[in-house]
Amino acid sequence: MALQSTMGDEPIPSVDGLPVYAASGNRVGEAIDLCVDLEADRVTGLLVSMDEPLVDVDAGGNDVRIPYRFVDGIADIIVLTSDPMIESVE
């Protein structure tokens, strides 16, 4: 079931399984879900299962949260505006 847009026009599509690419064209990983702040009524991040673990992040897995400001576009793939600072998912 897709989430309903606050504008009421169309549902927010699922991003689960979409490939995620950096602005450089390199594949980063696969989207898991969107992070939503229900009180502020906005998307805050993108959860991604990384293809390669991050070297500088001491995390238990390959799942990371990318701040949504780094998402440039979502269609058949997700494109990031750059290679952003990434937060590990706990």
C-alpha atoms as a PDB file:
ATOM      1  CA  MET A   1       0.000   0.000   0.000  1.00  0.00           C
ATOM      2  CA  ALA A   2       1.421   3.383  -1.010  1.00  0.00           C
ATOM      3  CA  LEU A   3       1.372   6.366   1.332  1.00  0.00           C
ATOM      4  CA  GLN A   4      -1.071   9.110   0.443  1.00  0.00           C
ATOM      5  CA  SER A   5       0.406  12.469  -0.492  1.00  0.00           C
ATOM      6  CA  THR A   6      -0.577  15.374   1.758  1.00  0.00           C
ATOM      7  CA  MET A   7      -1.638  17.243  -1.361  1.00  0.00           C
ATOM      8  CA  GLY A   8      -4.228  14.523  -1.964  1.00  0.00           C
ATOM      9  CA  ASP A   9      -3.320  14.322  -5.646  1.00  0.00           C
ATOM     10  CA  GLU A  10      -1.374  11.089  -5.868  1.00  0.00           C
ATOM     11  CA  PRO A  11       0.167   8.448  -3.617  1.00  0.00           C
ATOM     12  CA  ILE A  12       3.862   8.480  -2.772  1.00  0.00           C
ATOM     13  CA  PRO A  13       5.397   5.538  -4.681  1.00  0.00           C
ATOM     14  CA  SER A  14       7.397   2.824  -2.970  1.00  0.00           C
ATOM     15  CA  VAL A  15      11.158   3.134  -3.408  1.00  0.00           C
ATOM     16  CA  ASP A  16      11.931  -0.362  -2.093  1.00  0.00           C
ATOM     17  CA  GLY A  17      14.378  -2.113  -4.410  1.00  0.00           C
ATOM     18  CA  LEU A  18      15.208   0.874  -6.636  1.00  0.00           C
ATOM     19  CA  PRO A  19      18.919   1.175  -7.483  1.00  0.00           C
ATOM     20  CA  VAL A  20      20.646   4.254  -6.021  1.00  0.00           C
ATOM     21  CA  TYR A  21      23.373   6.080  -7.971  1.00  0.00           C
ATOM     22  CA  ALA A  22      25.746   8.888  -6.966  1.00  0.00           C
ATOM     23  CA  ALA A  23      26.067  11.977  -9.164  1.00  0.00           C
ATOM     24  CA  SER A  24      29.301  10.468 -10.490  1.00  0.00           C
ATOM     25  CA  GLY A  25      27.271   7.618 -12.036  1.00  0.00           C
ATOM     26  CA  ASN A  26      28.577   5.004  -9.610  1.00  0.00           C
ATOM     27  CA  ARG A  27      26.014   2.654  -8.117  1.00  0.00           C
ATOM     28  CA  VAL A  28      25.734   3.203  -4.351  1.00  0.00           C
ATOM     29  CA  GLY A  29      23.254   0.476  -3.443  1.00  0.00           C
ATOM     30  CA  GLU A  30      19.547  -0.313  -3.287  1.00  0.00           C
ATOM     31  CA  ALA A  31      16.792   1.761  -1.672  1.00  0.00           C
ATOM     32  CA  ILE A  32      14.986   0.263   1.303  1.00  0.00           C
ATOM     33  CA  ASP A  33      12.519   2.982   2.320  1.00  0.00           C
ATOM     34  CA  LEU A  34      11.953   6.682   2.951  1.00  0.00           C
ATOM     35  CA  CYS A  35      12.294   8.306   6.385  1.00  0.00           C
ATOM     36  CA  VAL A  36       9.308  10.557   7.115  1.00  0.00           C
ATOM     37  CA  ASP A  37       8.825  13.160   9.857  1.00  0.00           C
ATOM     38  CA  LEU A  38       5.070  12.873  10.415  1.00  0.00           C
ATOM     39  CA  GLU A  39       4.887  15.967  12.630  1.00  0.00           C
ATOM     40  CA  ALA A  40       6.601  18.178  10.049  1.00  0.00           C
ATOM     41  CA  ASP A  41       4.854  16.312   7.185  1.00  0.00           C
ATOM     42  CA  ARG A  42       8.031  15.881   5.119  1.00  0.00           C
ATOM     43  CA  VAL A  43      10.523  13.280   3.927  1.00  0.00           C
ATOM     44  CA  THR A  44      13.810  13.528   5.836  1.00  0.00           C
ATOM     45  CA  GLY A  45      15.944  10.707   4.503  1.00  0.00           C
ATOM     46  CA  LEU A  46      16.449   7.701   2.276  1.00  0.00           C
ATOM     47  CA  LEU A  47      17.394   4.308   3.705  1.00  0.00           C
ATOM     48  CA  VAL A  48      19.858   2.499   1.451  1.00  0.00           C
ATOM     49  CA  SER A  49      21.441  -0.946   1.552  1.00  0.00           C
ATOM     50  CA  MET A  50      24.977  -0.185   0.359  1.00  0.00           C
ATOM     51  CA  ASP A  51      26.685  -2.399  -2.226  1.00  0.00           C
ATOM     52  CA  GLU A  52      30.003  -1.905  -0.403  1.00  0.00           C
ATOM     53  CA  PRO A  53      30.367  -1.167   3.323  1.00  0.00           C
ATOM     54  CA  LEU A  54      31.556   2.332   4.146  1.00  0.00           C
ATOM     55  CA  VAL A  55      35.188   2.387   5.217  1.00  0.00           C
ATOM     56  CA  ASP A  56      34.971   5.405   7.546  1.00  0.00           C
ATOM     57  CA  VAL A  57      31.757   4.359   9.308  1.00  0.00           C
ATOM     58  CA  ASP A  58      31.949   1.922  12.195  1.00  0.00           C
ATOM     59  CA  ALA A  59      28.514   0.353  11.728  1.00  0.00           C
ATOM     60  CA  GLY A  60      27.239  -3.173  12.056  1.00  0.00           C
ATOM     61  CA  GLY A  61      25.732  -3.450   8.584  1.00  0.00           C
ATOM     62  CA  ASN A  62      25.489  -1.985   5.123  1.00  0.00           C
ATOM     63  CA  ASP A  63      22.280  -0.004   5.764  1.00  0.00           C
ATOM     64  CA  VAL A  64      22.676   3.790   5.839  1.00  0.00           C
ATOM     65  CA  ARG A  65      20.449   6.851   6.037  1.00  0.00           C
ATOM     66  CA  ILE A  66      21.116   9.480   3.405  1.00  0.00           C
ATOM     67  CA  PRO A  67      19.649  12.912   4.198  1.00  0.00           C
ATOM     68  CA  TYR A  68      16.871  13.613   1.678  1.00  0.00           C
ATOM     69  CA  ARG A  69      18.441  16.912   0.600  1.00  0.00           C
ATOM     70  CA  PHE A  70      20.965  14.767  -1.324  1.00  0.00           C
ATOM     71  CA  VAL A  71      18.258  13.065  -3.420  1.00  0.00           C
ATOM     72  CA  ASP A  72      18.159  14.671  -6.864  1.00  0.00           C
ATOM     73  CA  GLY A  73      15.490  12.516  -8.462  1.00  0.00           C
ATOM     74  CA  ILE A  74      13.384   9.381  -8.134  1.00  0.00           C
ATOM     75  CA  ALA A  75      12.000   7.445 -11.110  1.00  0.00           C
ATOM     76  CA  ASP A  76      13.153   3.984 -12.230  1.00  0.00           C
ATOM     77  CA  ILE A  77      16.367   4.731 -10.313  1.00  0.00           C
ATOM     78  CA  ILE A  78      17.306   7.173  -7.546  1.00  0.00           C
ATOM     79  CA  VAL A  79      20.012   9.738  -8.302  1.00  0.00           C
ATOM     80  CA  LEU A  80      21.881  11.627  -5.590  1.00  0.00           C
ATOM     81  CA  THR A  81      23.148  15.194  -6.038  1.00  0.00           C
ATOM     82  CA  SER A  82      26.635  14.240  -4.844  1.00  0.00           C
ATOM     83  CA  ASP A  83      28.442  11.674  -2.764  1.00  0.00           C
ATOM     84  CA  PRO A  84      26.873  12.898   0.494  1.00  0.00           C
ATOM     85  CA  MET A  85      27.804  12.643   4.112  1.00  0.00           C
ATOM     86  CA  ILE A  86      26.015   9.469   5.187  1.00  0.00           C
ATOM     87  CA  GLU A  87      24.678   8.487   8.620  1.00  0.00           C
ATOM     88  CA  SER A  88      24.676   4.831   9.652  1.00  0.00           C
ATOM     89  CA  VAL A  89      21.343   3.277  10.558  1.00  0.00           C
ATOM     90  CA  GLU A  90      21.193   1.815  14.033  1.00  0.00           C
END
